Amino acid sequence: MADRGAPAPALLAVAHGTRDPAGPAAVRELLARVRAMRPGLRVAEAYGELSEPSLEDAADSLRGGPVVVVPLLLARGYHALIDIPERASRLLPGAVTSRPLGPDALLADALAARLAEQDRTLPRPDGVVLGAAGSADPAGIADVRAAARLLARRLRRPVPHGFVAAGGPALEEAVAGLRRDGAKRVAVASYLLAPGRFHDRMAACGADVVAAPIGAHGAAARLVLRRYDEARLPLGSPAPVC
């Protein structure tokens, strides 16, 4: 895949960050897939907090050229709508920030694949819940509801949702609700990009199966590039030529 005209803007991917070293490792694996899908595109890694490199440190290496910032977040909220865009515009004048990754049908594909990885040798679960971190922002809660609907469409079965942090309903309550309705085996689709404390909390929700985070799934890598391409247009950069 090559571009016509001027060099493409750099892609600065900004994840939330976690103290769990498995989190940045998953982000790096994802970005390696992004680079493989778009050879020649400059892709930089950064974190909003807790992990390195920080957004500020990563921005230092990108000054002097156009930059598209892609928040590696699955829903709207403070970090996606305020924190990352404001910090990026201050550090990199002229940079544009894309919308967060989710909700999107590509993420539903990745979630379904992660569930299938857990269930290859086990009976099909009677119920599936979308587990998410949670948000105090109504827009973020609405995005998780939309993600649950997309996964339900993908799996062709009802998929309630639950949170392990802010907001409601709580994930353990959503799991218990399915059991009250007769589900003997309940699986959680982890609406998280990478491992960390939120995934640890999901593991303790009472479900029989908790799928791995989305991580470096190919659908997630394609979605990072989709968000990049959507946001690069205001910079006057041509769309990629396949």
Protein backbone atom coordinates (compact mmCIF):
# COMPACT_ATOMS: atom_id res chain seq x y z
CA MET A 1 0.00 0.00 0.00
CA ALA A 2 1.59 3.31 -1.07
CA ASP A 3 0.63 6.99 -0.95
CA ARG A 4 0.70 9.57 -3.72
CA GLY A 5 2.32 12.97 -3.16
CA ALA A 6 3.74 14.22 0.13
CA PRO A 7 4.89 11.80 2.81
CA ALA A 8 2.12 10.53 5.05
CA PRO A 9 1.71 12.09 8.51
CA ALA A 10 3.19 10.13 11.38
CA LEU A 11 0.78 8.03 13.44
CA LEU A 12 1.09 8.61 17.18
CA ALA A 13 -0.82 5.83 18.95
CA VAL A 14 -1.70 6.73 22.55
CA ALA A 15 -2.87 4.02 24.93
CA HIS A 16 -4.14 4.63 28.44
CA GLY A 17 -1.27 2.88 30.24
CA THR A 18 -1.01 0.33 33.03
CA ARG A 19 1.47 -0.79 35.68
CA ASP A 20 1.17 -4.34 34.32
CA PRO A 21 4.10 -4.88 31.89
CA ALA A 22 1.87 -7.16 29.81
CA GLY A 23 -0.16 -4.10 28.80
CA PRO A 24 2.58 -2.22 26.91
CA ALA A 25 3.76 -5.53 25.45
CA ALA A 26 0.31 -6.06 23.92
CA VAL A 27 0.27 -2.49 22.57
CA ARG A 28 3.68 -2.96 20.97
CA GLU A 29 2.55 -6.17 19.33
CA LEU A 30 -0.52 -4.40 17.98
CA LEU A 31 1.55 -1.55 16.57
CA ALA A 32 3.94 -4.05 14.98
CA ARG A 33 0.96 -5.40 13.05
CA VAL A 34 -0.04 -1.85 12.06
CA ARG A 35 3.47 -1.24 10.68
CA ALA A 36 3.36 -4.51 8.76
CA MET A 37 0.04 -3.52 7.19
CA ARG A 38 1.30 -0.07 6.14
CA PRO A 39 5.05 -0.33 5.36
CA GLY A 40 6.81 3.01 5.43
CA LEU A 41 4.32 4.66 7.77
CA ARG A 42 5.99 6.12 10.83
CA VAL A 43 4.20 4.73 13.88
CA ALA A 44 5.07 5.96 17.39
CA GLU A 45 3.93 4.50 20.71
CA ALA A 46 2.83 6.57 23.72
CA TYR A 47 0.79 6.35 26.92
CA GLY A 48 -1.45 8.81 28.71
CA GLU A 49 -0.19 7.71 32.14
CA LEU A 50 1.52 4.93 34.11
CA SER A 51 3.56 3.51 31.19
CA GLU A 52 6.46 4.74 29.07
CA PRO A 53 7.00 6.47 26.74
CA SER A 54 4.71 9.24 27.87
CA LEU A 55 2.77 11.30 25.36
CA GLU A 56 5.17 14.19 26.04
CA ASP A 57 8.28 12.10 25.40
CA ALA A 58 6.88 10.57 22.23
CA ALA A 59 5.85 14.00 20.91
CA ASP A 60 9.44 15.25 21.22
CA SER A 61 10.50 12.81 18.51
CA LEU A 62 7.74 13.88 16.11
CA ARG A 63 8.12 17.66 16.03
CA GLY A 64 8.43 19.35 12.64
CA GLY A 65 6.03 17.25 10.62
CA PRO A 66 2.33 16.43 10.39
CA VAL A 67 1.01 14.00 12.99
CA VAL A 68 -2.24 12.08 13.42
CA VAL A 69 -2.89 11.03 17.01
CA VAL A 70 -4.95 7.85 17.43
CA PRO A 71 -6.24 7.16 20.96
CA LEU A 72 -6.05 3.40 21.54
CA LEU A 73 -9.27 3.59 23.56
CA LEU A 74 -12.49 1.67 23.02
CA ALA A 75 -15.02 4.34 23.96
CA ARG A 76 -15.47 8.06 24.41
CA GLY A 77 -14.61 9.62 27.74
CA TYR A 78 -12.30 12.12 29.39
CA HIS A 79 -9.07 10.68 28.02
CA ALA A 80 -10.33 10.25 24.44
CA LEU A 81 -12.23 13.55 24.18
CA ILE A 82 -10.27 15.98 26.37
CA ASP A 83 -7.00 14.77 27.87
CA ILE A 84 -5.25 13.28 24.83
CA PRO A 85 -6.47 15.85 22.22
CA GLU A 86 -5.57 18.84 24.42
CA ARG A 87 -2.13 17.52 25.35
CA ALA A 88 -1.40 16.57 21.73
CA SER A 89 -2.43 19.95 20.34
CA ARG A 90 -0.27 21.72 22.91
CA LEU A 91 2.76 19.53 22.24
CA LEU A 92 2.33 19.18 18.47
CA PRO A 93 0.66 22.28 16.98
CA GLY A 94 -1.32 21.30 13.91
CA ALA A 95 -1.71 17.66 14.92
CA VAL A 96 -5.16 16.12 14.61
CA THR A 97 -6.63 13.53 16.95
CA SER A 98 -8.90 10.77 15.69
CA ARG A 99 -11.94 9.42 17.43
CA PRO A 100 -11.39 6.41 19.69
CA LEU A 101 -11.32 2.93 18.22
CA GLY A 102 -14.72 1.83 19.44
CA PRO A 103 -17.43 1.03 19.00
CA ASP A 104 -16.91 -0.68 15.65
CA ALA A 105 -17.86 -3.93 13.92
CA LEU A 106 -14.16 -4.77 13.57
CA LEU A 107 -13.88 -4.89 17.34
CA ALA A 108 -16.87 -7.22 17.44
CA ASP A 109 -14.98 -9.52 15.08
CA ALA A 110 -11.95 -9.44 17.38
CA LEU A 111 -14.08 -10.09 20.47
CA ALA A 112 -15.75 -13.07 18.82
CA ALA A 113 -12.35 -14.48 17.89
CA ARG A 114 -11.04 -14.12 21.46
CA LEU A 115 -14.12 -15.91 22.77
CA ALA A 116 -13.62 -18.71 20.25
CA GLU A 117 -10.02 -19.14 21.40
CA GLN A 118 -11.26 -19.91 24.90
CA ASP A 119 -14.01 -22.26 23.80
CA ARG A 120 -12.39 -24.52 21.22
CA THR A 121 -12.54 -27.65 23.38
CA LEU A 122 -15.48 -26.66 25.62
CA PRO A 123 -19.26 -26.59 25.19
CA ARG A 124 -20.76 -23.41 23.77
CA PRO A 125 -21.60 -21.01 26.63
CA ASP A 126 -25.25 -20.52 27.47
CA GLY A 127 -24.69 -16.80 27.93
CA VAL A 128 -22.18 -14.14 26.88
CA VAL A 129 -21.59 -10.81 28.62
CA LEU A 130 -19.53 -7.91 27.29
CA GLY A 131 -17.23 -6.85 30.13
CA ALA A 132 -15.87 -3.30 30.06
CA ALA A 133 -13.87 -1.05 32.35
CA GLY A 134 -16.60 1.54 32.77
CA SER A 135 -16.93 5.29 32.42
CA ALA A 136 -18.39 8.26 34.25
CA ASP A 137 -19.15 9.83 30.85
CA PRO A 138 -22.62 9.05 29.45
CA ALA A 139 -21.11 8.99 25.97
CA GLY A 140 -18.68 6.28 27.05
CA ILE A 141 -21.48 4.21 28.56
CA ALA A 142 -23.48 4.61 25.34
CA ASP A 143 -20.46 3.40 23.34
CA VAL A 144 -20.22 0.23 25.43
CA ARG A 145 -23.93 -0.41 24.90
CA ALA A 146 -23.35 -0.02 21.16
CA ALA A 147 -20.39 -2.41 21.33
CA ALA A 148 -22.60 -4.99 23.06
CA ARG A 149 -25.19 -4.65 20.29
CA LEU A 150 -22.50 -5.13 17.62
CA LEU A 151 -21.22 -8.24 19.37
CA ALA A 152 -24.78 -9.56 19.71
CA ARG A 153 -25.24 -9.11 15.97
CA ARG A 154 -21.93 -10.85 15.31
CA LEU A 155 -22.73 -13.81 17.60
CA ARG A 156 -26.45 -13.89 16.73
CA ARG A 157 -27.43 -14.01 20.39
CA PRO A 158 -28.27 -11.47 23.13
CA VAL A 159 -25.21 -9.91 24.80
CA PRO A 160 -25.74 -7.81 27.94
CA HIS A 161 -22.89 -5.65 29.24
CA GLY A 162 -21.33 -4.96 32.61
CA PHE A 163 -18.58 -2.80 34.11
CA VAL A 164 -15.80 -3.54 36.56
CA ALA A 165 -15.15 0.11 37.53
CA ALA A 166 -17.29 3.22 37.08
CA GLY A 167 -20.88 3.07 35.93
CA GLY A 168 -23.40 0.29 35.94
CA PRO A 169 -24.53 -2.41 35.68
CA ALA A 170 -21.69 -4.21 37.45
CA LEU A 171 -20.20 -7.10 35.50
CA GLU A 172 -20.75 -9.59 38.32
CA GLU A 173 -24.42 -8.57 38.42
CA ALA A 174 -24.75 -9.09 34.66
CA VAL A 175 -23.21 -12.56 35.02
CA ALA A 176 -25.49 -13.40 37.95
CA GLY A 177 -28.50 -12.20 35.96
CA LEU A 178 -27.76 -14.68 33.17
CA ARG A 179 -27.46 -17.46 35.70
CA ARG A 180 -30.83 -16.52 37.21
CA ASP A 181 -32.26 -16.77 33.70
CA GLY A 182 -30.98 -20.35 33.42
CA ALA A 183 -27.49 -20.03 31.93
CA LYS A 184 -25.26 -22.77 33.32
CA ARG A 185 -22.10 -21.64 31.55
CA VAL A 186 -21.35 -17.92 31.14
CA ALA A 187 -18.50 -16.36 29.14
CA VAL A 188 -17.22 -12.79 29.30
CA ALA A 189 -15.95 -11.03 26.18
CA SER A 190 -13.28 -8.65 27.45
CA TYR A 191 -13.83 -5.21 25.95
CA LEU A 192 -10.28 -4.19 26.78
CA LEU A 193 -7.32 -3.59 24.54
CA ALA A 194 -4.63 -4.98 26.84
CA PRO A 195 -4.11 -6.85 30.12
CA GLY A 196 -4.06 -4.99 33.43
CA ARG A 197 -6.07 -4.52 36.60
CA PHE A 198 -9.40 -4.30 34.79
CA HIS A 199 -8.89 -7.70 33.20
CA ASP A 200 -7.86 -9.05 36.61
CA ARG A 201 -11.18 -7.80 38.00
CA MET A 202 -13.06 -9.48 35.16
CA ALA A 203 -11.43 -12.77 36.06
CA ALA A 204 -13.09 -12.53 39.49
CA CYS A 205 -16.62 -11.75 38.24
CA GLY A 206 -17.99 -15.28 38.64
CA ALA A 207 -18.06 -16.24 34.94
CA ASP A 208 -16.93 -19.65 33.76
CA VAL A 209 -14.80 -18.19 30.96
CA VAL A 210 -13.18 -14.76 30.65
CA ALA A 211 -11.70 -14.19 27.21
CA ALA A 212 -8.36 -12.50 26.65
CA PRO A 213 -8.28 -8.78 25.82
CA ILE A 214 -8.45 -7.77 22.16
CA GLY A 215 -4.70 -7.17 21.97
CA ALA A 216 -2.93 -7.46 18.64
CA HIS A 217 -5.80 -9.00 16.70
CA GLY A 218 -5.64 -8.18 13.00
CA ALA A 219 -9.06 -6.53 13.07
CA ALA A 220 -7.82 -4.12 15.75
CA ALA A 221 -4.76 -3.25 13.66
CA ARG A 222 -6.97 -2.53 10.65
CA LEU A 223 -9.14 -0.32 12.83
CA VAL A 224 -6.14 1.72 14.01
CA LEU A 225 -5.34 2.46 10.37
CA ARG A 226 -8.98 3.25 9.61
CA ARG A 227 -9.07 5.86 12.39
CA TYR A 228 -5.75 7.27 11.15
CA ASP A 229 -7.05 7.56 7.58
CA GLU A 230 -10.29 9.21 8.72
CA ALA A 231 -8.41 11.85 10.71
CA ARG A 232 -5.63 12.59 8.24
CA LEU A 233 -7.95 14.20 5.68
CA PRO A 234 -8.01 17.65 7.40
CA LEU A 235 -4.23 17.71 7.01
CA GLY A 236 -4.65 17.67 3.24
CA SER A 237 -2.97 14.31 2.97
CA PRO A 238 -4.20 11.98 0.21
CA ALA A 239 -5.85 8.71 1.07
CA PRO A 240 -3.66 5.63 0.74
CA VAL A 241 -3.57 3.85 -2.61
CA CYS A 242 -3.91 0.07 -2.38
